[in-house]
Each structure stands twice: as C-alpha cells, then as structure tokens.
PDB file of N, CA and C in Angstrom:
ATOM      1  N   MET A   1      28.958 199.665 -15.317  1.00  0.00           N
ATOM      2  CA  MET A   1      28.385 200.982 -15.426  1.00  0.00           C
ATOM      3  C   MET A   1      29.459 201.923 -15.961  1.00  0.00           C
ATOM      4  N   GLN A   2      29.065 202.780 -16.859  1.00  0.00           N
ATOM      5  CA  GLN A   2      30.005 203.722 -17.450  1.00  0.00           C
ATOM      6  C   GLN A   2      30.326 204.860 -16.485  1.00  0.00           C
ATOM      7  N   THR A   3      31.535 205.374 -16.610  1.00  0.00           N
ATOM      8  CA  THR A   3      31.995 206.456 -15.752  1.00  0.00           C
ATOM      9  C   THR A   3      31.093 207.680 -15.881  1.00  0.00           C
ATOM     10  N   GLU A   4      30.689 207.998 -17.096  1.00  0.00           N
ATOM     11  CA  GLU A   4      29.837 209.167 -17.316  1.00  0.00           C
ATOM     12  C   GLU A   4      28.492 208.994 -16.612  1.00  0.00           C
ATOM     13  N   ALA A   5      27.956 207.791 -16.635  1.00  0.00           N
ATOM     14  CA  ALA A   5      26.679 207.529 -15.979  1.00  0.00           C
ATOM     15  C   ALA A   5      26.819 207.685 -14.467  1.00  0.00           C
ATOM     16  N   MET A   6      27.913 207.188 -13.917  1.00  0.00           N
ATOM     17  CA  MET A   6      28.139 207.321 -12.481  1.00  0.00           C
ATOM     18  C   MET A   6      28.297 208.796 -12.100  1.00  0.00           C
ATOM     19  N   TYR A   7      29.004 209.547 -12.906  1.00  0.00           N
ATOM     20  CA  TYR A   7      29.193 210.977 -12.636  1.00  0.00           C
ATOM     21  C   TYR A   7      27.847 211.694 -12.656  1.00  0.00           C
ATOM     22  N   PHE A   8      27.017 211.381 -13.642  1.00  0.00           N
ATOM     23  CA  PHE A   8      25.684 211.978 -13.737  1.00  0.00           C
ATOM     24  C   PHE A   8      24.857 211.650 -12.497  1.00  0.00           C
ATOM     25  N   LEU A   9      24.871 210.392 -12.092  1.00  0.00           N
ATOM     26  CA  LEU A   9      24.095 209.977 -10.921  1.00  0.00           C
ATOM     27  C   LEU A   9      24.598 210.659  -9.654  1.00  0.00           C
ATOM     28  N   MET A  10      25.920 210.790  -9.515  1.00  0.00           N
ATOM     29  CA  MET A  10      26.477 211.470  -8.342  1.00  0.00           C
ATOM     30  C   MET A  10      26.056 212.939  -8.320  1.00  0.00           C
ATOM     31  N   GLN A  11      26.051 213.592  -9.484  1.00  0.00           N
ATOM     32  CA  GLN A  11      25.637 214.994  -9.561  1.00  0.00           C
ATOM     33  C   GLN A  11      24.170 215.166  -9.160  1.00  0.00           C
ATOM     34  N   HIS A  12      23.379 214.119  -9.359  1.00  0.00           N
ATOM     35  CA  HIS A  12      21.950 214.185  -9.041  1.00  0.00           C
ATOM     36  C   HIS A  12      21.629 213.456  -7.741  1.00  0.00           C
ATOM     37  N   ASP A  13      22.626 213.400  -6.852  1.00  0.00           N
ATOM     38  CA  ASP A  13      22.466 212.879  -5.488  1.00  0.00           C
ATOM     39  C   ASP A  13      22.008 211.415  -5.426  1.00  0.00           C
ATOM     40  N   MET A  14      22.515 210.602  -6.310  1.00  0.00           N
ATOM     41  CA  MET A  14      22.222 209.159  -6.249  1.00  0.00           C
ATOM     42  C   MET A  14      22.859 208.590  -4.991  1.00  0.00           C
ATOM     43  N   ASP A  15      22.082 207.876  -4.197  1.00  0.00           N
ATOM     44  CA  ASP A  15      22.589 207.245  -2.976  1.00  0.00           C
ATOM     45  C   ASP A  15      22.991 205.808  -3.334  1.00  0.00           C
ATOM     46  N   PHE A  16      24.259 205.620  -3.671  1.00  0.00           N
ATOM     47  CA  PHE A  16      24.731 204.308  -4.104  1.00  0.00           C
ATOM     48  C   PHE A  16      24.640 203.275  -2.981  1.00  0.00           C
ATOM     49  N   ASN A  17      24.870 203.691  -1.742  1.00  0.00           N
ATOM     50  CA  ASN A  17      24.759 202.756  -0.622  1.00  0.00           C
ATOM     51  C   ASN A  17      23.337 202.217  -0.499  1.00  0.00           C
ATOM     52  N   LYS A  18      22.360 203.107  -0.601  1.00  0.00           N
ATOM     53  CA  LYS A  18      20.957 202.685  -0.524  1.00  0.00           C
ATOM     54  C   LYS A  18      20.613 201.785  -1.705  1.00  0.00           C
ATOM     55  N   TRP A  19      21.094 202.149  -2.877  1.00  0.00           N
ATOM     56  CA  TRP A  19      20.817 201.373  -4.090  1.00  0.00           C
ATOM     57  C   TRP A  19      21.369 199.957  -3.959  1.00  0.00           C
ATOM     58  N   ILE A  20      22.595 199.838  -3.450  1.00  0.00           N
ATOM     59  CA  ILE A  20      23.212 198.523  -3.305  1.00  0.00           C
ATOM     60  C   ILE A  20      22.521 197.726  -2.211  1.00  0.00           C
ATOM     61  N   LYS A  21      22.189 198.379  -1.107  1.00  0.00           N
ATOM     62  CA  LYS A  21      21.581 197.678   0.024  1.00  0.00           C
ATOM     63  C   LYS A  21      20.123 197.308  -0.229  1.00  0.00           C
ATOM     64  N   GLN A  22      19.336 198.243  -0.784  1.00  0.00           N
ATOM     65  CA  GLN A  22      17.902 198.029  -0.915  1.00  0.00           C
ATOM     66  C   GLN A  22      17.450 197.721  -2.333  1.00  0.00           C
ATOM     67  N   GLY A  23      18.253 197.994  -3.313  1.00  0.00           N
ATOM     68  CA  GLY A  23      17.860 197.768  -4.693  1.00  0.00           C
ATOM     69  C   GLY A  23      16.907 198.844  -5.185  1.00  0.00           C
ATOM     70  N   ILE A  24      16.401 198.640  -6.374  1.00  0.00           N
ATOM     71  CA  ILE A  24      15.465 199.583  -6.972  1.00  0.00           C
ATOM     72  C   ILE A  24      14.120 198.876  -7.079  1.00  0.00           C
ATOM     73  N   PRO A  25      13.085 199.401  -6.397  1.00  0.00           N
ATOM     74  CA  PRO A  25      11.785 198.725  -6.426  1.00  0.00           C
ATOM     75  C   PRO A  25      11.121 198.868  -7.797  1.00  0.00           C
ATOM     76  N   TYR A  26      10.472 197.799  -8.216  1.00  0.00           N
ATOM     77  CA  TYR A  26       9.734 197.825  -9.478  1.00  0.00           C
ATOM     78  C   TYR A  26       8.241 197.657  -9.224  1.00  0.00           C
ATOM     79  N   LEU A  27       7.843 197.642  -7.955  1.00  0.00           N
ATOM     80  CA  LEU A  27       6.447 197.509  -7.583  1.00  0.00           C
ATOM     81  C   LEU A  27       6.043 198.726  -6.758  1.00  0.00           C
ATOM     82  N   ASN A  28       4.767 199.086  -6.861  1.00  0.00           N
ATOM     83  CA  ASN A  28       4.309 200.128  -5.944  1.00  0.00           C
ATOM     84  C   ASN A  28       4.054 199.487  -4.584  1.00  0.00           C
ATOM     85  N   LYS A  29       3.744 200.289  -3.575  1.00  0.00           N
ATOM     86  CA  LYS A  29       3.621 199.758  -2.215  1.00  0.00           C
ATOM     87  C   LYS A  29       2.518 198.713  -2.092  1.00  0.00           C
ATOM     88  N   THR A  30       1.410 198.915  -2.787  1.00  0.00           N
ATOM     89  CA  THR A  30       0.308 197.953  -2.739  1.00  0.00           C
ATOM     90  C   THR A  30       0.723 196.620  -3.343  1.00  0.00           C
ATOM     91  N   GLU A  31       1.364 196.667  -4.515  1.00  0.00           N
ATOM     92  CA  GLU A  31       1.823 195.440  -5.171  1.00  0.00           C
ATOM     93  C   GLU A  31       2.862 194.722  -4.310  1.00  0.00           C
ATOM     94  N   LEU A  32       3.755 195.492  -3.688  1.00  0.00           N
ATOM     95  CA  LEU A  32       4.776 194.905  -2.833  1.00  0.00           C
ATOM     96  C   LEU A  32       4.141 194.212  -1.633  1.00  0.00           C
ATOM     97  N   SER A  33       3.165 194.850  -1.014  1.00  0.00           N
ATOM     98  CA  SER A  33       2.478 194.244   0.133  1.00  0.00           C
ATOM     99  C   SER A  33       1.799 192.942  -0.259  1.00  0.00           C
ATOM    100  N   GLU A  34       1.138 192.938  -1.415  1.00  0.00           N
ATOM    101  CA  GLU A  34       0.471 191.722  -1.892  1.00  0.00           C
ATOM    102  C   GLU A  34       1.479 190.610  -2.153  1.00  0.00           C
ATOM    103  N   LEU A  35       2.605 190.940  -2.762  1.00  0.00           N
ATOM    104  CA  LEU A  35       3.636 189.953  -3.043  1.00  0.00           C
ATOM    105  C   LEU A  35       4.219 189.391  -1.756  1.00  0.00           C
ATOM    106  N   GLU A  36       4.508 190.272  -0.788  1.00  0.00           N
ATOM    107  CA  GLU A  36       5.057 189.808   0.487  1.00  0.00           C
ATOM    108  C   GLU A  36       4.087 188.878   1.195  1.00  0.00           C
ATOM    109  N   LYS A  37       2.790 189.197   1.159  1.00  0.00           N
ATOM    110  CA  LYS A  37       1.784 188.350   1.790  1.00  0.00           C
ATOM    111  C   LYS A  37       1.737 186.991   1.102  1.00  0.00           C
ATOM    112  N   THR A  38       1.775 186.984  -0.219  1.00  0.00           N
ATOM    113  CA  THR A  38       1.755 185.725  -0.976  1.00  0.00           C
ATOM    114  C   THR A  38       2.969 184.875  -0.631  1.00  0.00           C
ATOM    115  N   LEU A  39       4.146 185.502  -0.599  1.00  0.00           N
ATOM    116  CA  LEU A  39       5.360 184.752  -0.277  1.00  0.00           C
ATOM    117  C   LEU A  39       5.308 184.224   1.149  1.00  0.00           C
ATOM    118  N   TYR A  40       4.791 185.026   2.071  1.00  0.00           N
ATOM    119  CA  TYR A  40       4.678 184.581   3.460  1.00  0.00           C
ATOM    120  C   TYR A  40       3.711 183.400   3.556  1.00  0.00           C
ATOM    121  N   ASP A  41       2.575 183.486   2.869  1.00  0.00           N
ATOM    122  CA  ASP A  41       1.597 182.398   2.901  1.00  0.00           C
ATOM    123  C   ASP A  41       2.180 181.111   2.340  1.00  0.00           C
ATOM    124  N   GLU A  42       3.004 181.208   1.294  1.00  0.00           N
ATOM    125  CA  GLU A  42       3.603 180.023   0.687  1.00  0.00           C
ATOM    126  C   GLU A  42       4.612 179.370   1.624  1.00  0.00           C
ATOM    127  N   ARG A  43       5.242 180.163   2.503  1.00  0.00           N
ATOM    128  CA  ARG A  43       6.199 179.591   3.452  1.00  0.00           C
ATOM    129  C   ARG A  43       5.506 178.785   4.533  1.00  0.00           C
ATOM    130  N   GLU A  44       4.202 178.949   4.660  1.00  0.00           N
ATOM    131  CA  GLU A  44       3.448 178.232   5.682  1.00  0.00           C
ATOM    132  C   GLU A  44       3.100 176.806   5.250  1.00  0.00           C
ATOM    133  N   ILE A  45       3.522 176.383   4.066  1.00  0.00           N
ATOM    134  CA  ILE A  45       3.241 175.033   3.588  1.00  0.00           C
ATOM    135  C   ILE A  45       3.956 174.029   4.480  1.00  0.00           C
ATOM    136  N   ASP A  46       3.288 172.935   4.786  1.00  0.00           N
ATOM    137  CA  ASP A  46       3.863 171.894   5.637  1.00  0.00           C
ATOM    138  C   ASP A  46       4.684 170.940   4.774  1.00  0.00           C
ATOM    139  N   PHE A  47       5.988 170.979   4.951  1.00  0.00           N
ATOM    140  CA  PHE A  47       6.880 170.135   4.170  1.00  0.00           C
ATOM    141  C   PHE A  47       7.292 168.874   4.919  1.00  0.00           C
ATOM    142  N   THR A  48       6.724 168.612   6.071  1.00  0.00           N
ATOM    143  CA  THR A  48       7.177 167.496   6.896  1.00  0.00           C
ATOM    144  C   THR A  48       6.946 166.141   6.240  1.00  0.00           C
ATOM    145  N   SER A  49       6.002 166.062   5.318  1.00  0.00           N
ATOM    146  CA  SER A  49       5.701 164.764   4.713  1.00  0.00           C
ATOM    147  C   SER A  49       6.873 164.212   3.910  1.00  0.00           C
ATOM    148  N   PHE A  50       7.710 165.071   3.352  1.00  0.00           N
ATOM    149  CA  PHE A  50       8.841 164.563   2.578  1.00  0.00           C
ATOM    150  C   PHE A  50      10.182 165.069   3.077  1.00  0.00           C
ATOM    151  N   SER A  51      10.205 165.911   4.066  1.00  0.00           N
ATOM    152  CA  SER A  51      11.478 166.475   4.505  1.00  0.00           C
ATOM    153  C   SER A  51      12.369 165.423   5.150  1.00  0.00           C
ATOM    154  N   LYS A  52      11.797 164.451   5.828  1.00  0.00           N
ATOM    155  CA  LYS A  52      12.604 163.410   6.476  1.00  0.00           C
ATOM    156  C   LYS A  52      13.401 162.626   5.427  1.00  0.00           C
ATOM    157  N   GLU A  53      12.739 162.249   4.333  1.00  0.00           N
ATOM    158  CA  GLU A  53      13.433 161.526   3.259  1.00  0.00           C
ATOM    159  C   GLU A  53      14.540 162.388   2.662  1.00  0.00           C
ATOM    160  N   TRP A  54      14.236 163.667   2.437  1.00  0.00           N
ATOM    161  CA  TRP A  54      15.226 164.573   1.863  1.00  0.00           C
ATOM    162  C   TRP A  54      16.425 164.714   2.794  1.00  0.00           C
ATOM    163  N   GLU A  55      16.165 164.861   4.095  1.00  0.00           N
ATOM    164  CA  GLU A  55      17.252 164.983   5.065  1.00  0.00           C
ATOM    165  C   GLU A  55      18.116 163.731   5.084  1.00  0.00           C
ATOM    166  N   GLU A  56      17.493 162.567   5.009  1.00  0.00           N
ATOM    167  CA  GLU A  56      18.255 161.319   4.995  1.00  0.00           C
ATOM    168  C   GLU A  56      19.125 161.224   3.741  1.00  0.00           C
ATOM    169  N   GLU A  57      18.568 161.618   2.586  1.00  0.00           N
ATOM    170  CA  GLU A  57      19.343 161.601   1.341  1.00  0.00           C
ATOM    171  C   GLU A  57      20.549 162.535   1.446  1.00  0.00           C
ATOM    172  N   LYS A  58      20.318 163.751   1.955  1.00  0.00           N
ATOM    173  CA  LYS A  58      21.413 164.714   2.098  1.00  0.00           C
ATOM    174  C   LYS A  58      22.459 164.210   3.089  1.00  0.00           C
ATOM    175  N   PHE A  59      22.014 163.586   4.165  1.00  0.00           N
ATOM    176  CA  PHE A  59      22.942 163.037   5.151  1.00  0.00           C
ATOM    177  C   PHE A  59      23.837 161.993   4.497  1.00  0.00           C
ATOM    178  N   ILE A  60      23.239 161.089   3.742  1.00  0.00           N
ATOM    179  CA  ILE A  60      24.012 160.033   3.079  1.00  0.00           C
ATOM    180  C   ILE A  60      24.983 160.646   2.069  1.00  0.00           C
ATOM    181  N   GLU A  61      24.512 161.659   1.304  1.00  0.00           N
ATOM    182  CA  GLU A  61      25.395 162.323   0.336  1.00  0.00           C
ATOM    183  C   GLU A  61      26.594 162.952   1.052  1.00  0.00           C
ATOM    184  N   HIS A  62      26.337 163.678   2.129  1.00  0.00           N
ATOM    185  CA  HIS A  62      27.421 164.330   2.863  1.00  0.00           C
ATOM    186  C   HIS A  62      28.347 163.308   3.518  1.00  0.00           C
ATOM    187  N   LYS A  63      27.781 162.248   4.043  1.00  0.00           N
ATOM    188  CA  LYS A  63      28.583 161.196   4.662  1.00  0.00           C
ATOM    189  C   LYS A  63      29.535 160.597   3.631  1.00  0.00           C
ATOM    190  N   THR A  64      29.026 160.338   2.442  1.00  0.00           N
ATOM    191  CA  THR A  64      29.858 159.780   1.368  1.00  0.00           C
ATOM    192  C   THR A  64      30.981 160.736   0.993  1.00  0.00           C
ATOM    193  N   VAL A  65      30.650 162.018   0.850  1.00  0.00           N
ATOM    194  CA  VAL A  65      31.667 163.020   0.498  1.00  0.00           C
ATOM    195  C   VAL A  65      32.740 163.090   1.582  1.00  0.00           C
ATOM    196  N   ILE A  66      32.331 163.054   2.838  1.00  0.00           N
ATOM    197  CA  ILE A  66      33.286 163.118   3.946  1.00  0.00           C
ATOM    198  C   ILE A  66      34.179 161.882   3.963  1.00  0.00           C
ATOM    199  N   GLU A  67      33.593 160.713   3.763  1.00  0.00           N
ATOM    200  CA  GLU A  67      34.392 159.480   3.735  1.00  0.00           C
ATOM    201  C   GLU A  67      35.407 159.508   2.602  1.00  0.00           C
ATOM    202  N   GLU A  68      34.990 159.989   1.428  1.00  0.00           N
ATOM    203  CA  GLU A  68      35.911 160.092   0.291  1.00  0.00           C
ATOM    204  C   GLU A  68      37.017 161.104   0.591  1.00  0.00           C
ATOM    205  N   TRP A  69      36.667 162.201   1.277  1.00  0.00           N
ATOM    206  CA  TRP A  69      37.652 163.214   1.626  1.00  0.00           C
ATOM    207  C   TRP A  69      38.678 162.646   2.617  1.00  0.00           C
ATOM    208  N   ILE A  70      38.201 161.899   3.609  1.00  0.00           N
ATOM    209  CA  ILE A  70      39.110 161.301   4.594  1.00  0.00           C
ATOM    210  C   ILE A  70      40.061 160.325   3.922  1.00  0.00           C
ATOM    211  N   ALA A  71      39.540 159.553   2.979  1.00  0.00           N
ATOM    212  CA  ALA A  71      40.361 158.561   2.287  1.00  0.00           C
ATOM    213  C   ALA A  71      41.300 159.202   1.263  1.00  0.00           C
ATOM    214  N   GLY A  72      40.984 160.407   0.818  1.00  0.00           N
ATOM    215  CA  GLY A  72      41.769 161.051  -0.230  1.00  0.00           C
ATOM    216  C   GLY A  72      42.894 161.900   0.308  1.00  0.00           C
ATOM    217  N   GLU A  73      43.420 162.749  -0.578  1.00  0.00           N
ATOM    218  CA  GLU A  73      44.554 163.595  -0.221  1.00  0.00           C
ATOM    219  C   GLU A  73      44.229 165.082  -0.279  1.00  0.00           C
ATOM    220  N   GLU A  74      42.958 165.445  -0.503  1.00  0.00           N
ATOM    221  CA  GLU A  74      42.563 166.860  -0.542  1.00  0.00           C
ATOM    222  C   GLU A  74      42.738 167.486   0.832  1.00  0.00           C
ATOM    223  N   PRO A  75      43.354 168.666   0.902  1.00  0.00           N
ATOM    224  CA  PRO A  75      43.557 169.299   2.218  1.00  0.00           C
ATOM    225  C   PRO A  75      42.279 169.956   2.785  1.00  0.00           C
ATOM    226  N   THR A  76      41.349 170.341   1.906  1.00  0.00           N
ATOM    227  CA  THR A  76      40.138 171.003   2.387  1.00  0.00           C
ATOM    228  C   THR A  76      38.894 170.301   1.878  1.00  0.00           C
ATOM    229  N   LEU A  77      37.807 170.522   2.593  1.00  0.00           N
ATOM    230  CA  LEU A  77      36.519 169.945   2.226  1.00  0.00           C
ATOM    231  C   LEU A  77      35.479 171.032   2.288  1.00  0.00           C
ATOM    232  N   VAL A  78      34.654 171.141   1.235  1.00  0.00           N
ATOM    233  CA  VAL A  78      33.575 172.107   1.196  1.00  0.00           C
ATOM    234  C   VAL A  78      32.277 171.347   0.948  1.00  0.00           C
ATOM    235  N   LEU A  79      31.319 171.493   1.879  1.00  0.00           N
ATOM    236  CA  LEU A  79      30.019 170.860   1.732  1.00  0.00           C
ATOM    237  C   LEU A  79      29.012 171.907   1.293  1.00  0.00           C
ATOM    238  N   GLU A  80      28.078 171.520   0.433  1.00  0.00           N
ATOM    239  CA  GLU A  80      27.028 172.454   0.026  1.00  0.00           C
ATOM    240  C   GLU A  80      26.057 172.657   1.174  1.00  0.00           C
ATOM    241  N   LYS A  81      25.369 173.793   1.159  1.00  0.00           N
ATOM    242  CA  LYS A  81      24.377 174.060   2.197  1.00  0.00           C
ATOM    243  C   LYS A  81      23.196 173.107   2.020  1.00  0.00           C
ATOM    244  N   MET A  82      22.587 172.770   3.118  1.00  0.00           N
ATOM    245  CA  MET A  82      21.408 171.915   3.037  1.00  0.00           C
ATOM    246  C   MET A  82      20.185 172.733   2.911  1.00  0.00           C
TER     247      MET A  82
END
C-alpha cells in the first residue's frame, strides 16, 4: 500500500485494526447469511466412509517421516497438519 493512500485513509478515520481483523465484506447481509448456511450445511456431510483409510495413510506417512528423521542427522522435525 502506498504511503499517500494510507495517509488518506487515516485522515478519513479508516480503522486498520478492524480491517485487518475482519476484512472488507463483499456481500450484503442476506448474501452472507445464505453463504454461511450453505457452508454450515456442507460441513454436515458424513466423511466416515473414507476417513479411516485417509487416517491410516497419514499415519503411515508420518511414521515413515519420523523413522527417517530418527535414522538421519536432522536436528528438527516438522510434520504437516492432518
């Protein structure tokens, strides 16, 4: 962001903390409510049919990485989030 733009925004009472924390909405309240409902409904999908296989694959991947780390000389180990 350019210095002049920041100065202009500060002169017009731009709340940078709110902007950074909450962002700038591009939807009106009705559209936002509909989107939130859709996203919430999609989270209700039952993933149990394949999650066990996925968990086993991730376990094996992490186990392999840990074994290689123990056998190696790297001082630190970073695992990806599951």
